[in-house]
Amino acid sequence: MVKKLIMNEQTITWQDFEKIDIRIGTIINVSDFPKAKKPAYILEIDFGELGIKKSSAQLTHLYSKEDLIYKQIVAIVNFPKKQIANFMSECLVMGAYNNNDVILLNPERKVENGSKIG
């Protein structure tokens, strides 16, 4: 049986990929975000020498606040800040879509906060 290879509509160069700063961080605080249009948390994430950044994440369906505390995650840290309701998100926490749920990406083993993904 021959499987069709599904190609992304747009490819990028290695130089494009190098512009994306993807890092490991540890969630150190989680709070509710009642002003978000869809249920979400506000996360404070420690990225080591990059400091602490905040992000909004629609994770309330699969993750409790207790599940998220001290969890290491993968995030893009060099997007411009984005306003979501009355909040400025400073990074994009990465996850995989599973139907309508988001499953967080995280390292298999504990690594130093701020470690670069490449």
PDB file of N, CA and C in Angstrom:
ATOM      1  N   MET A   1       0.832  -1.164   0.000  1.00  0.00           N
ATOM      2  CA  MET A   1       0.000   0.000   0.000  1.00  0.00           C
ATOM      3  C   MET A   1       0.893   1.249   0.000  1.00  0.00           C
ATOM      4  N   VAL A   2       0.608   2.171  -0.869  1.00  0.00           N
ATOM      5  CA  VAL A   2       1.378   3.409  -0.960  1.00  0.00           C
ATOM      6  C   VAL A   2       0.617   4.500  -0.219  1.00  0.00           C
ATOM      7  N   LYS A   3       1.306   5.159   0.706  1.00  0.00           N
ATOM      8  CA  LYS A   3       0.688   6.260   1.443  1.00  0.00           C
ATOM      9  C   LYS A   3       1.075   7.576   0.786  1.00  0.00           C
ATOM     10  N   LYS A   4       0.125   8.476   0.696  1.00  0.00           N
ATOM     11  CA  LYS A   4       0.419   9.795   0.171  1.00  0.00           C
ATOM     12  C   LYS A   4       1.128  10.609   1.241  1.00  0.00           C
ATOM     13  N   LEU A   5       2.144  11.320   0.850  1.00  0.00           N
ATOM     14  CA  LEU A   5       2.838  12.220   1.740  1.00  0.00           C
ATOM     15  C   LEU A   5       2.099  13.549   1.728  1.00  0.00           C
ATOM     16  N   ILE A   6       1.640  13.962   2.880  1.00  0.00           N
ATOM     17  CA  ILE A   6       0.937  15.237   2.973  1.00  0.00           C
ATOM     18  C   ILE A   6       1.971  16.315   3.239  1.00  0.00           C
ATOM     19  N   MET A   7       2.068  17.249   2.326  1.00  0.00           N
ATOM     20  CA  MET A   7       3.053  18.316   2.431  1.00  0.00           C
ATOM     21  C   MET A   7       2.394  19.568   2.986  1.00  0.00           C
ATOM     22  N   ASN A   8       3.137  20.261   3.823  1.00  0.00           N
ATOM     23  CA  ASN A   8       2.691  21.557   4.293  1.00  0.00           C
ATOM     24  C   ASN A   8       2.642  22.488   3.088  1.00  0.00           C
ATOM     25  N   GLU A   9       1.692  23.399   3.076  1.00  0.00           N
ATOM     26  CA  GLU A   9       1.550  24.304   1.946  1.00  0.00           C
ATOM     27  C   GLU A   9       2.747  25.213   1.776  1.00  0.00           C
ATOM     28  N   GLN A  10       3.438  25.484   2.872  1.00  0.00           N
ATOM     29  CA  GLN A  10       4.567  26.399   2.790  1.00  0.00           C
ATOM     30  C   GLN A  10       5.746  25.810   3.542  1.00  0.00           C
ATOM     31  N   THR A  11       6.895  25.779   2.906  1.00  0.00           N
ATOM     32  CA  THR A  11       8.095  25.326   3.594  1.00  0.00           C
ATOM     33  C   THR A  11       8.902  26.550   4.021  1.00  0.00           C
ATOM     34  N   ILE A  12       9.754  26.355   5.016  1.00  0.00           N
ATOM     35  CA  ILE A  12      10.615  27.433   5.472  1.00  0.00           C
ATOM     36  C   ILE A  12      12.061  27.000   5.317  1.00  0.00           C
ATOM     37  N   THR A  13      12.954  27.952   5.379  1.00  0.00           N
ATOM     38  CA  THR A  13      14.382  27.645   5.296  1.00  0.00           C
ATOM     39  C   THR A  13      14.934  27.422   6.694  1.00  0.00           C
ATOM     40  N   TRP A  14      16.132  26.886   6.753  1.00  0.00           N
ATOM     41  CA  TRP A  14      16.801  26.714   8.041  1.00  0.00           C
ATOM     42  C   TRP A  14      16.974  28.075   8.720  1.00  0.00           C
ATOM     43  N   GLN A  15      17.272  29.098   7.937  1.00  0.00           N
ATOM     44  CA  GLN A  15      17.433  30.445   8.485  1.00  0.00           C
ATOM     45  C   GLN A  15      16.118  30.939   9.113  1.00  0.00           C
ATOM     46  N   ASP A  16      14.983  30.591   8.498  1.00  0.00           N
ATOM     47  CA  ASP A  16      13.688  30.946   9.087  1.00  0.00           C
ATOM     48  C   ASP A  16      13.530  30.262  10.446  1.00  0.00           C
ATOM     49  N   PHE A  17      13.852  28.989  10.513  1.00  0.00           N
ATOM     50  CA  PHE A  17      13.726  28.236  11.759  1.00  0.00           C
ATOM     51  C   PHE A  17      14.618  28.819  12.848  1.00  0.00           C
ATOM     52  N   GLU A  18      15.827  29.239  12.476  1.00  0.00           N
ATOM     53  CA  GLU A  18      16.762  29.784  13.461  1.00  0.00           C
ATOM     54  C   GLU A  18      16.269  31.085  14.091  1.00  0.00           C
ATOM     55  N   LYS A  19      15.326  31.750  13.459  1.00  0.00           N
ATOM     56  CA  LYS A  19      14.776  32.986  14.018  1.00  0.00           C
ATOM     57  C   LYS A  19      13.844  32.716  15.195  1.00  0.00           C
ATOM     58  N   ILE A  20      13.326  31.502  15.297  1.00  0.00           N
ATOM     59  CA  ILE A  20      12.381  31.154  16.355  1.00  0.00           C
ATOM     60  C   ILE A  20      13.166  30.741  17.597  1.00  0.00           C
ATOM     61  N   ASP A  21      12.946  31.429  18.702  1.00  0.00           N
ATOM     62  CA  ASP A  21      13.644  31.134  19.948  1.00  0.00           C
ATOM     63  C   ASP A  21      12.722  30.280  20.822  1.00  0.00           C
ATOM     64  N   ILE A  22      12.960  28.982  20.810  1.00  0.00           N
ATOM     65  CA  ILE A  22      12.146  28.021  21.554  1.00  0.00           C
ATOM     66  C   ILE A  22      12.950  27.580  22.775  1.00  0.00           C
ATOM     67  N   ARG A  23      12.341  27.715  23.946  1.00  0.00           N
ATOM     68  CA  ARG A  23      13.051  27.438  25.199  1.00  0.00           C
ATOM     69  C   ARG A  23      12.224  26.569  26.137  1.00  0.00           C
ATOM     70  N   ILE A  24      12.930  26.005  27.113  1.00  0.00           N
ATOM     71  CA  ILE A  24      12.305  25.253  28.191  1.00  0.00           C
ATOM     72  C   ILE A  24      12.142  26.181  29.390  1.00  0.00           C
ATOM     73  N   GLY A  25      10.970  26.113  30.006  1.00  0.00           N
ATOM     74  CA  GLY A  25      10.727  26.875  31.222  1.00  0.00           C
ATOM     75  C   GLY A  25       9.913  26.045  32.197  1.00  0.00           C
ATOM     76  N   THR A  26       9.907  26.491  33.449  1.00  0.00           N
ATOM     77  CA  THR A  26       9.132  25.828  34.491  1.00  0.00           C
ATOM     78  C   THR A  26       8.026  26.763  34.962  1.00  0.00           C
ATOM     79  N   ILE A  27       6.810  26.256  34.971  1.00  0.00           N
ATOM     80  CA  ILE A  27       5.675  27.044  35.441  1.00  0.00           C
ATOM     81  C   ILE A  27       5.799  27.201  36.957  1.00  0.00           C
ATOM     82  N   ILE A  28       5.818  28.461  37.413  1.00  0.00           N
ATOM     83  CA  ILE A  28       5.979  28.700  38.850  1.00  0.00           C
ATOM     84  C   ILE A  28       4.716  29.271  39.495  1.00  0.00           C
ATOM     85  N   ASN A  29       3.771  29.721  38.687  1.00  0.00           N
ATOM     86  CA  ASN A  29       2.510  30.210  39.240  1.00  0.00           C
ATOM     87  C   ASN A  29       1.417  30.065  38.193  1.00  0.00           C
ATOM     88  N   VAL A  30       0.221  29.712  38.642  1.00  0.00           N
ATOM     89  CA  VAL A  30      -0.945  29.551  37.766  1.00  0.00           C
ATOM     90  C   VAL A  30      -2.116  30.261  38.420  1.00  0.00           C
ATOM     91  N   SER A  31      -2.796  31.098  37.644  1.00  0.00           N
ATOM     92  CA  SER A  31      -3.994  31.746  38.171  1.00  0.00           C
ATOM     93  C   SER A  31      -5.095  31.709  37.118  1.00  0.00           C
ATOM     94  N   ASP A  32      -6.326  31.835  37.564  1.00  0.00           N
ATOM     95  CA  ASP A  32      -7.463  31.869  36.650  1.00  0.00           C
ATOM     96  C   ASP A  32      -7.417  33.154  35.825  1.00  0.00           C
ATOM     97  N   PHE A  33      -7.989  33.098  34.632  1.00  0.00           N
ATOM     98  CA  PHE A  33      -8.052  34.257  33.742  1.00  0.00           C
ATOM     99  C   PHE A  33      -9.515  34.460  33.355  1.00  0.00           C
ATOM    100  N   PRO A  34     -10.308  35.028  34.248  1.00  0.00           N
ATOM    101  CA  PRO A  34     -11.749  35.130  34.013  1.00  0.00           C
ATOM    102  C   PRO A  34     -12.139  36.046  32.851  1.00  0.00           C
ATOM    103  N   LYS A  35     -11.267  36.964  32.446  1.00  0.00           N
ATOM    104  CA  LYS A  35     -11.619  37.887  31.361  1.00  0.00           C
ATOM    105  C   LYS A  35     -11.347  37.312  29.972  1.00  0.00           C
ATOM    106  N   ALA A  36     -10.730  36.149  29.896  1.00  0.00           N
ATOM    107  CA  ALA A  36     -10.485  35.507  28.597  1.00  0.00           C
ATOM    108  C   ALA A  36     -11.810  35.058  27.990  1.00  0.00           C
ATOM    109  N   LYS A  37     -11.911  35.101  26.650  1.00  0.00           N
ATOM    110  CA  LYS A  37     -13.143  34.677  25.974  1.00  0.00           C
ATOM    111  C   LYS A  37     -13.417  33.194  26.188  1.00  0.00           C
ATOM    112  N   LYS A  38     -12.356  32.387  26.114  1.00  0.00           N
ATOM    113  CA  LYS A  38     -12.462  30.952  26.378  1.00  0.00           C
ATOM    114  C   LYS A  38     -11.734  30.674  27.686  1.00  0.00           C
ATOM    115  N   PRO A  39     -12.156  29.662  28.438  1.00  0.00           N
ATOM    116  CA  PRO A  39     -11.511  29.379  29.721  1.00  0.00           C
ATOM    117  C   PRO A  39      -9.991  29.227  29.561  1.00  0.00           C
ATOM    118  N   ALA A  40      -9.258  29.934  30.423  1.00  0.00           N
ATOM    119  CA  ALA A  40      -7.798  29.942  30.317  1.00  0.00           C
ATOM    120  C   ALA A  40      -7.167  30.211  31.677  1.00  0.00           C
ATOM    121  N   TYR A  41      -5.868  29.935  31.740  1.00  0.00           N
ATOM    122  CA  TYR A  41      -5.063  30.268  32.908  1.00  0.00           C
ATOM    123  C   TYR A  41      -4.059  31.342  32.503  1.00  0.00           C
ATOM    124  N   ILE A  42      -3.579  32.066  33.501  1.00  0.00           N
ATOM    125  CA  ILE A  42      -2.397  32.897  33.334  1.00  0.00           C
ATOM    126  C   ILE A  42      -1.250  32.129  33.976  1.00  0.00           C
ATOM    127  N   LEU A  43      -0.190  31.898  33.200  1.00  0.00           N
ATOM    128  CA  LEU A  43       0.971  31.153  33.670  1.00  0.00           C
ATOM    129  C   LEU A  43       2.146  32.095  33.855  1.00  0.00           C
ATOM    130  N   GLU A  44       2.883  31.929  34.945  1.00  0.00           N
ATOM    131  CA  GLU A  44       4.171  32.596  35.121  1.00  0.00           C
ATOM    132  C   GLU A  44       5.213  31.503  34.966  1.00  0.00           C
ATOM    133  N   ILE A  45       6.164  31.742  34.055  1.00  0.00           N
ATOM    134  CA  ILE A  45       7.100  30.691  33.663  1.00  0.00           C
ATOM    135  C   ILE A  45       8.526  31.193  33.863  1.00  0.00           C
ATOM    136  N   ASP A  46       9.339  30.392  34.552  1.00  0.00           N
ATOM    137  CA  ASP A  46      10.745  30.723  34.795  1.00  0.00           C
ATOM    138  C   ASP A  46      11.591  30.175  33.646  1.00  0.00           C
ATOM    139  N   PHE A  47      12.238  31.094  32.916  1.00  0.00           N
ATOM    140  CA  PHE A  47      13.111  30.711  31.806  1.00  0.00           C
ATOM    141  C   PHE A  47      14.583  30.932  32.157  1.00  0.00           C
ATOM    142  N   GLY A  48      14.945  30.726  33.417  1.00  0.00           N
ATOM    143  CA  GLY A  48      16.348  30.846  33.824  1.00  0.00           C
ATOM    144  C   GLY A  48      16.856  32.255  33.615  1.00  0.00           C
ATOM    145  N   GLU A  49      17.990  32.384  32.927  1.00  0.00           N
ATOM    146  CA  GLU A  49      18.594  33.707  32.759  1.00  0.00           C
ATOM    147  C   GLU A  49      17.765  34.644  31.883  1.00  0.00           C
ATOM    148  N   LEU A  50      16.767  34.126  31.155  1.00  0.00           N
ATOM    149  CA  LEU A  50      15.855  34.994  30.404  1.00  0.00           C
ATOM    150  C   LEU A  50      14.824  35.640  31.330  1.00  0.00           C
ATOM    151  N   GLY A  51      14.698  35.137  32.543  1.00  0.00           N
ATOM    152  CA  GLY A  51      13.766  35.694  33.510  1.00  0.00           C
ATOM    153  C   GLY A  51      12.418  35.001  33.494  1.00  0.00           C
ATOM    154  N   ILE A  52      11.457  35.632  34.136  1.00  0.00           N
ATOM    155  CA  ILE A  52      10.102  35.096  34.242  1.00  0.00           C
ATOM    156  C   ILE A  52       9.219  35.789  33.220  1.00  0.00           C
ATOM    157  N   LYS A  53       8.489  34.990  32.446  1.00  0.00           N
ATOM    158  CA  LYS A  53       7.563  35.511  31.449  1.00  0.00           C
ATOM    159  C   LYS A  53       6.174  34.981  31.755  1.00  0.00           C
ATOM    160  N   LYS A  54       5.177  35.758  31.323  1.00  0.00           N
ATOM    161  CA  LYS A  54       3.785  35.368  31.541  1.00  0.00           C
ATOM    162  C   LYS A  54       3.145  34.977  30.220  1.00  0.00           C
ATOM    163  N   SER A  55       2.193  34.062  30.306  1.00  0.00           N
ATOM    164  CA  SER A  55       1.471  33.612  29.121  1.00  0.00           C
ATOM    165  C   SER A  55       0.051  33.234  29.502  1.00  0.00           C
ATOM    166  N   SER A  56      -0.859  33.394  28.568  1.00  0.00           N
ATOM    167  CA  SER A  56      -2.216  32.903  28.724  1.00  0.00           C
ATOM    168  C   SER A  56      -2.298  31.572  27.981  1.00  0.00           C
ATOM    169  N   ALA A  57      -2.968  30.606  28.592  1.00  0.00           N
ATOM    170  CA  ALA A  57      -3.053  29.289  27.958  1.00  0.00           C
ATOM    171  C   ALA A  57      -4.419  28.667  28.213  1.00  0.00           C
ATOM    172  N   GLN A  58      -5.046  28.187  27.142  1.00  0.00           N
ATOM    173  CA  GLN A  58      -6.355  27.534  27.234  1.00  0.00           C
ATOM    174  C   GLN A  58      -6.165  26.053  27.550  1.00  0.00           C
ATOM    175  N   LEU A  59      -5.877  25.798  28.809  1.00  0.00           N
ATOM    176  CA  LEU A  59      -5.549  24.439  29.250  1.00  0.00           C
ATOM    177  C   LEU A  59      -6.498  23.915  30.311  1.00  0.00           C
ATOM    178  N   THR A  60      -7.559  24.660  30.606  1.00  0.00           N
ATOM    179  CA  THR A  60      -8.395  24.337  31.763  1.00  0.00           C
ATOM    180  C   THR A  60      -9.150  23.020  31.634  1.00  0.00           C
ATOM    181  N   HIS A  61      -9.351  22.543  30.415  1.00  0.00           N
ATOM    182  CA  HIS A  61     -10.119  21.308  30.238  1.00  0.00           C
ATOM    183  C   HIS A  61      -9.343  20.075  30.700  1.00  0.00           C
ATOM    184  N   LEU A  62      -8.039  20.049  30.426  1.00  0.00           N
ATOM    185  CA  LEU A  62      -7.248  18.855  30.760  1.00  0.00           C
ATOM    186  C   LEU A  62      -6.336  19.019  31.970  1.00  0.00           C
ATOM    187  N   TYR A  63      -6.031  20.261  32.348  1.00  0.00           N
ATOM    188  CA  TYR A  63      -5.052  20.496  33.410  1.00  0.00           C
ATOM    189  C   TYR A  63      -5.656  21.336  34.531  1.00  0.00           C
ATOM    190  N   SER A  64      -5.453  20.885  35.755  1.00  0.00           N
ATOM    191  CA  SER A  64      -5.802  21.722  36.904  1.00  0.00           C
ATOM    192  C   SER A  64      -4.611  22.632  37.192  1.00  0.00           C
ATOM    193  N   LYS A  65      -4.824  23.629  38.012  1.00  0.00           N
ATOM    194  CA  LYS A  65      -3.712  24.515  38.394  1.00  0.00           C
ATOM    195  C   LYS A  65      -2.626  23.705  39.097  1.00  0.00           C
ATOM    196  N   GLU A  66      -3.037  22.750  39.911  1.00  0.00           N
ATOM    197  CA  GLU A  66      -2.074  21.913  40.634  1.00  0.00           C
ATOM    198  C   GLU A  66      -1.255  21.045  39.689  1.00  0.00           C
ATOM    199  N   ASP A  67      -1.859  20.593  38.579  1.00  0.00           N
ATOM    200  CA  ASP A  67      -1.138  19.791  37.585  1.00  0.00           C
ATOM    201  C   ASP A  67      -0.003  20.588  36.939  1.00  0.00           C
ATOM    202  N   LEU A  68      -0.201  21.893  36.832  1.00  0.00           N
ATOM    203  CA  LEU A  68       0.724  22.731  36.069  1.00  0.00           C
ATOM    204  C   LEU A  68       1.894  23.280  36.882  1.00  0.00           C
ATOM    205  N   ILE A  69       1.716  23.434  38.185  1.00  0.00           N
ATOM    206  CA  ILE A  69       2.778  24.008  39.016  1.00  0.00           C
ATOM    207  C   ILE A  69       4.034  23.130  38.939  1.00  0.00           C
ATOM    208  N   TYR A  70       5.157  23.762  38.639  1.00  0.00           N
ATOM    209  CA  TYR A  70       6.482  23.143  38.528  1.00  0.00           C
ATOM    210  C   TYR A  70       6.622  22.200  37.339  1.00  0.00           C
ATOM    211  N   LYS A  71       5.682  22.261  36.407  1.00  0.00           N
ATOM    212  CA  LYS A  71       5.782  21.470  35.184  1.00  0.00           C
ATOM    213  C   LYS A  71       6.696  22.204  34.203  1.00  0.00           C
ATOM    214  N   GLN A  72       7.615  21.486  33.593  1.00  0.00           N
ATOM    215  CA  GLN A  72       8.445  22.086  32.543  1.00  0.00           C
ATOM    216  C   GLN A  72       7.681  22.043  31.232  1.00  0.00           C
ATOM    217  N   ILE A  73       7.816  23.132  30.477  1.00  0.00           N
ATOM    218  CA  ILE A  73       7.088  23.261  29.220  1.00  0.00           C
ATOM    219  C   ILE A  73       8.036  23.791  28.136  1.00  0.00           C
ATOM    220  N   VAL A  74       7.546  23.754  26.904  1.00  0.00           N
ATOM    221  CA  VAL A  74       8.257  24.303  25.748  1.00  0.00           C
ATOM    222  C   VAL A  74       7.499  25.553  25.313  1.00  0.00           C
ATOM    223  N   ALA A  75       8.235  26.646  25.045  1.00  0.00           N
ATOM    224  CA  ALA A  75       7.574  27.890  24.645  1.00  0.00           C
ATOM    225  C   ALA A  75       8.438  28.670  23.671  1.00  0.00           C
ATOM    226  N   ILE A  76       7.778  29.455  22.836  1.00  0.00           N
ATOM    227  CA  ILE A  76       8.473  30.397  21.965  1.00  0.00           C
ATOM    228  C   ILE A  76       8.544  31.709  22.729  1.00  0.00           C
ATOM    229  N   VAL A  77       9.761  32.239  22.884  1.00  0.00           N
ATOM    230  CA  VAL A  77       9.951  33.404  23.749  1.00  0.00           C
ATOM    231  C   VAL A  77      10.258  34.695  22.989  1.00  0.00           C
ATOM    232  N   ASN A  78      10.305  34.642  21.659  1.00  0.00           N
ATOM    233  CA  ASN A  78      10.663  35.870  20.935  1.00  0.00           C
ATOM    234  C   ASN A  78       9.565  36.402  20.020  1.00  0.00           C
ATOM    235  N   PHE A  79       8.322  36.031  20.273  1.00  0.00           N
ATOM    236  CA  PHE A  79       7.209  36.703  19.608  1.00  0.00           C
ATOM    237  C   PHE A  79       7.005  38.059  20.282  1.00  0.00           C
ATOM    238  N   PRO A  80       6.435  39.029  19.569  1.00  0.00           N
ATOM    239  CA  PRO A  80       6.075  40.272  20.259  1.00  0.00           C
ATOM    240  C   PRO A  80       4.975  39.992  21.273  1.00  0.00           C
ATOM    241  N   LYS A  81       4.900  40.833  22.306  1.00  0.00           N
ATOM    242  CA  LYS A  81       3.840  40.683  23.300  1.00  0.00           C
ATOM    243  C   LYS A  81       2.491  40.782  22.605  1.00  0.00           C
ATOM    244  N   LYS A  82       1.507  40.021  23.140  1.00  0.00           N
ATOM    245  CA  LYS A  82       0.173  40.008  22.551  1.00  0.00           C
ATOM    246  C   LYS A  82      -0.859  40.276  23.641  1.00  0.00           C
ATOM    247  N   GLN A  83      -1.730  41.237  23.372  1.00  0.00           N
ATOM    248  CA  GLN A  83      -2.765  41.540  24.357  1.00  0.00           C
ATOM    249  C   GLN A  83      -3.934  40.588  24.191  1.00  0.00           C
ATOM    250  N   ILE A  84      -4.323  39.986  25.312  1.00  0.00           N
ATOM    251  CA  ILE A  84      -5.477  39.096  25.373  1.00  0.00           C
ATOM    252  C   ILE A  84      -6.342  39.627  26.511  1.00  0.00           C
ATOM    253  N   ALA A  85      -7.488  40.193  26.163  1.00  0.00           N
ATOM    254  CA  ALA A  85      -8.350  40.896  27.130  1.00  0.00           C
ATOM    255  C   ALA A  85      -7.515  41.974  27.810  1.00  0.00           C
ATOM    256  N   ASN A  86      -7.391  41.924  29.140  1.00  0.00           N
ATOM    257  CA  ASN A  86      -6.628  42.937  29.861  1.00  0.00           C
ATOM    258  C   ASN A  86      -5.220  42.472  30.215  1.00  0.00           C
ATOM    259  N   PHE A  87      -4.707  41.473  29.510  1.00  0.00           N
ATOM    260  CA  PHE A  87      -3.443  40.818  29.845  1.00  0.00           C
ATOM    261  C   PHE A  87      -2.485  40.849  28.656  1.00  0.00           C
ATOM    262  N   MET A  88      -1.184  41.054  28.930  1.00  0.00           N
ATOM    263  CA  MET A  88      -0.161  41.011  27.879  1.00  0.00           C
ATOM    264  C   MET A  88       0.611  39.693  27.983  1.00  0.00           C
ATOM    265  N   SER A  89       0.425  38.845  26.985  1.00  0.00           N
ATOM    266  CA  SER A  89       1.132  37.569  26.933  1.00  0.00           C
ATOM    267  C   SER A  89       2.527  37.808  26.378  1.00  0.00           C
ATOM    268  N   GLU A  90       3.545  37.241  27.047  1.00  0.00           N
ATOM    269  CA  GLU A  90       4.940  37.485  26.682  1.00  0.00           C
ATOM    270  C   GLU A  90       5.611  36.313  25.976  1.00  0.00           C
ATOM    271  N   CYS A  91       4.937  35.174  25.912  1.00  0.00           N
ATOM    272  CA  CYS A  91       5.502  34.013  25.229  1.00  0.00           C
ATOM    273  C   CYS A  91       4.360  33.105  24.806  1.00  0.00           C
ATOM    274  N   LEU A  92       4.657  32.160  23.927  1.00  0.00           N
ATOM    275  CA  LEU A  92       3.653  31.212  23.440  1.00  0.00           C
ATOM    276  C   LEU A  92       4.011  29.812  23.923  1.00  0.00           C
ATOM    277  N   VAL A  93       3.192  29.292  24.833  1.00  0.00           N
ATOM    278  CA  VAL A  93       3.380  27.931  25.327  1.00  0.00           C
ATOM    279  C   VAL A  93       2.927  26.986  24.228  1.00  0.00           C
ATOM    280  N   MET A  94       3.735  25.971  23.954  1.00  0.00           N
ATOM    281  CA  MET A  94       3.454  25.081  22.828  1.00  0.00           C
ATOM    282  C   MET A  94       2.765  23.799  23.284  1.00  0.00           C
ATOM    283  N   GLY A  95       1.840  23.360  22.436  1.00  0.00           N
ATOM    284  CA  GLY A  95       1.123  22.133  22.706  1.00  0.00           C
ATOM    285  C   GLY A  95       0.629  21.525  21.409  1.00  0.00           C
ATOM    286  N   ALA A  96       0.191  20.301  21.503  1.00  0.00           N
ATOM    287  CA  ALA A  96      -0.357  19.595  20.349  1.00  0.00           C
ATOM    288  C   ALA A  96      -1.867  19.546  20.501  1.00  0.00           C
ATOM    289  N   TYR A  97      -2.565  19.783  19.399  1.00  0.00           N
ATOM    290  CA  TYR A  97      -4.026  19.719  19.422  1.00  0.00           C
ATOM    291  C   TYR A  97      -4.478  18.268  19.329  1.00  0.00           C
ATOM    292  N   ASN A  98      -5.380  17.904  20.226  1.00  0.00           N
ATOM    293  CA  ASN A  98      -6.000  16.587  20.232  1.00  0.00           C
ATOM    294  C   ASN A  98      -7.501  16.844  20.302  1.00  0.00           C
ATOM    295  N   ASN A  99      -8.153  16.828  19.125  1.00  0.00           N
ATOM    296  CA  ASN A  99      -9.532  17.295  19.002  1.00  0.00           C
ATOM    297  C   ASN A  99      -9.548  18.761  19.408  1.00  0.00           C
ATOM    298  N   ASN A 100     -10.277  19.124  20.431  1.00  0.00           N
ATOM    299  CA  ASN A 100     -10.304  20.520  20.868  1.00  0.00           C
ATOM    300  C   ASN A 100      -9.427  20.781  22.081  1.00  0.00           C
ATOM    301  N   ASP A 101      -8.715  19.775  22.536  1.00  0.00           N
ATOM    302  CA  ASP A 101      -7.862  19.911  23.710  1.00  0.00           C
ATOM    303  C   ASP A 101      -6.419  20.182  23.296  1.00  0.00           C
ATOM    304  N   VAL A 102      -5.676  20.833  24.197  1.00  0.00           N
ATOM    305  CA  VAL A 102      -4.260  21.082  23.967  1.00  0.00           C
ATOM    306  C   VAL A 102      -3.463  20.252  24.958  1.00  0.00           C
ATOM    307  N   ILE A 103      -2.531  19.456  24.434  1.00  0.00           N
ATOM    308  CA  ILE A 103      -1.620  18.652  25.246  1.00  0.00           C
ATOM    309  C   ILE A 103      -0.277  19.370  25.237  1.00  0.00           C
ATOM    310  N   LEU A 104       0.200  19.765  26.413  1.00  0.00           N
ATOM    311  CA  LEU A 104       1.451  20.506  26.496  1.00  0.00           C
ATOM    312  C   LEU A 104       2.640  19.695  26.010  1.00  0.00           C
ATOM    313  N   LEU A 105       3.553  20.378  25.338  1.00  0.00           N
ATOM    314  CA  LEU A 105       4.836  19.772  24.985  1.00  0.00           C
ATOM    315  C   LEU A 105       5.783  19.990  26.156  1.00  0.00           C
ATOM    316  N   ASN A 106       6.521  18.957  26.522  1.00  0.00           N
ATOM    317  CA  ASN A 106       7.477  19.106  27.608  1.00  0.00           C
ATOM    318  C   ASN A 106       8.634  18.138  27.401  1.00  0.00           C
ATOM    319  N   PRO A 107       9.788  18.449  28.005  1.00  0.00           N
ATOM    320  CA  PRO A 107      10.943  17.567  27.828  1.00  0.00           C
ATOM    321  C   PRO A 107      10.723  16.232  28.534  1.00  0.00           C
ATOM    322  N   GLU A 108      11.346  15.219  27.988  1.00  0.00           N
ATOM    323  CA  GLU A 108      11.254  13.877  28.561  1.00  0.00           C
ATOM    324  C   GLU A 108      11.905  13.816  29.939  1.00  0.00           C
ATOM    325  N   ARG A 109      12.993  14.584  30.095  1.00  0.00           N
ATOM    326  CA  ARG A 109      13.714  14.643  31.365  1.00  0.00           C
ATOM    327  C   ARG A 109      13.869  16.099  31.771  1.00  0.00           C
ATOM    328  N   LYS A 110      14.070  16.324  33.066  1.00  0.00           N
ATOM    329  CA  LYS A 110      14.235  17.683  33.569  1.00  0.00           C
ATOM    330  C   LYS A 110      15.508  18.282  32.969  1.00  0.00           C
ATOM    331  N   VAL A 111      15.369  19.510  32.489  1.00  0.00           N
ATOM    332  CA  VAL A 111      16.512  20.233  31.941  1.00  0.00           C
ATOM    333  C   VAL A 111      16.566  21.626  32.569  1.00  0.00           C
ATOM    334  N   GLU A 112      17.660  22.314  32.373  1.00  0.00           N
ATOM    335  CA  GLU A 112      17.820  23.648  32.931  1.00  0.00           C
ATOM    336  C   GLU A 112      16.845  24.624  32.280  1.00  0.00           C
ATOM    337  N   ASN A 113      16.208  25.446  33.109  1.00  0.00           N
ATOM    338  CA  ASN A 113      15.314  26.462  32.586  1.00  0.00           C
ATOM    339  C   ASN A 113      16.074  27.389  31.647  1.00  0.00           C
ATOM    340  N   GLY A 114      15.442  27.725  30.541  1.00  0.00           N
ATOM    341  CA  GLY A 114      16.080  28.574  29.539  1.00  0.00           C
ATOM    342  C   GLY A 114      16.812  27.786  28.464  1.00  0.00           C
ATOM    343  N   SER A 115      16.897  26.455  28.618  1.00  0.00           N
ATOM    344  CA  SER A 115      17.566  25.646  27.594  1.00  0.00           C
ATOM    345  C   SER A 115      16.902  25.867  26.251  1.00  0.00           C
ATOM    346  N   LYS A 116      17.733  26.030  25.234  1.00  0.00           N
ATOM    347  CA  LYS A 116      17.257  26.320  23.880  1.00  0.00           C
ATOM    348  C   LYS A 116      16.935  25.037  23.140  1.00  0.00           C
ATOM    349  N   ILE A 117      15.835  25.060  22.409  1.00  0.00           N
ATOM    350  CA  ILE A 117      15.454  23.942  21.546  1.00  0.00           C
ATOM    351  C   ILE A 117      16.024  24.205  20.161  1.00  0.00           C
ATOM    352  N   GLY A 118      16.607  23.202  19.569  1.00  0.00           N
ATOM    353  CA  GLY A 118      17.184  23.411  18.241  1.00  0.00           C
ATOM    354  C   GLY A 118      17.150  22.164  17.429  1.00  0.00           C
TER     355      GLY A 118
END
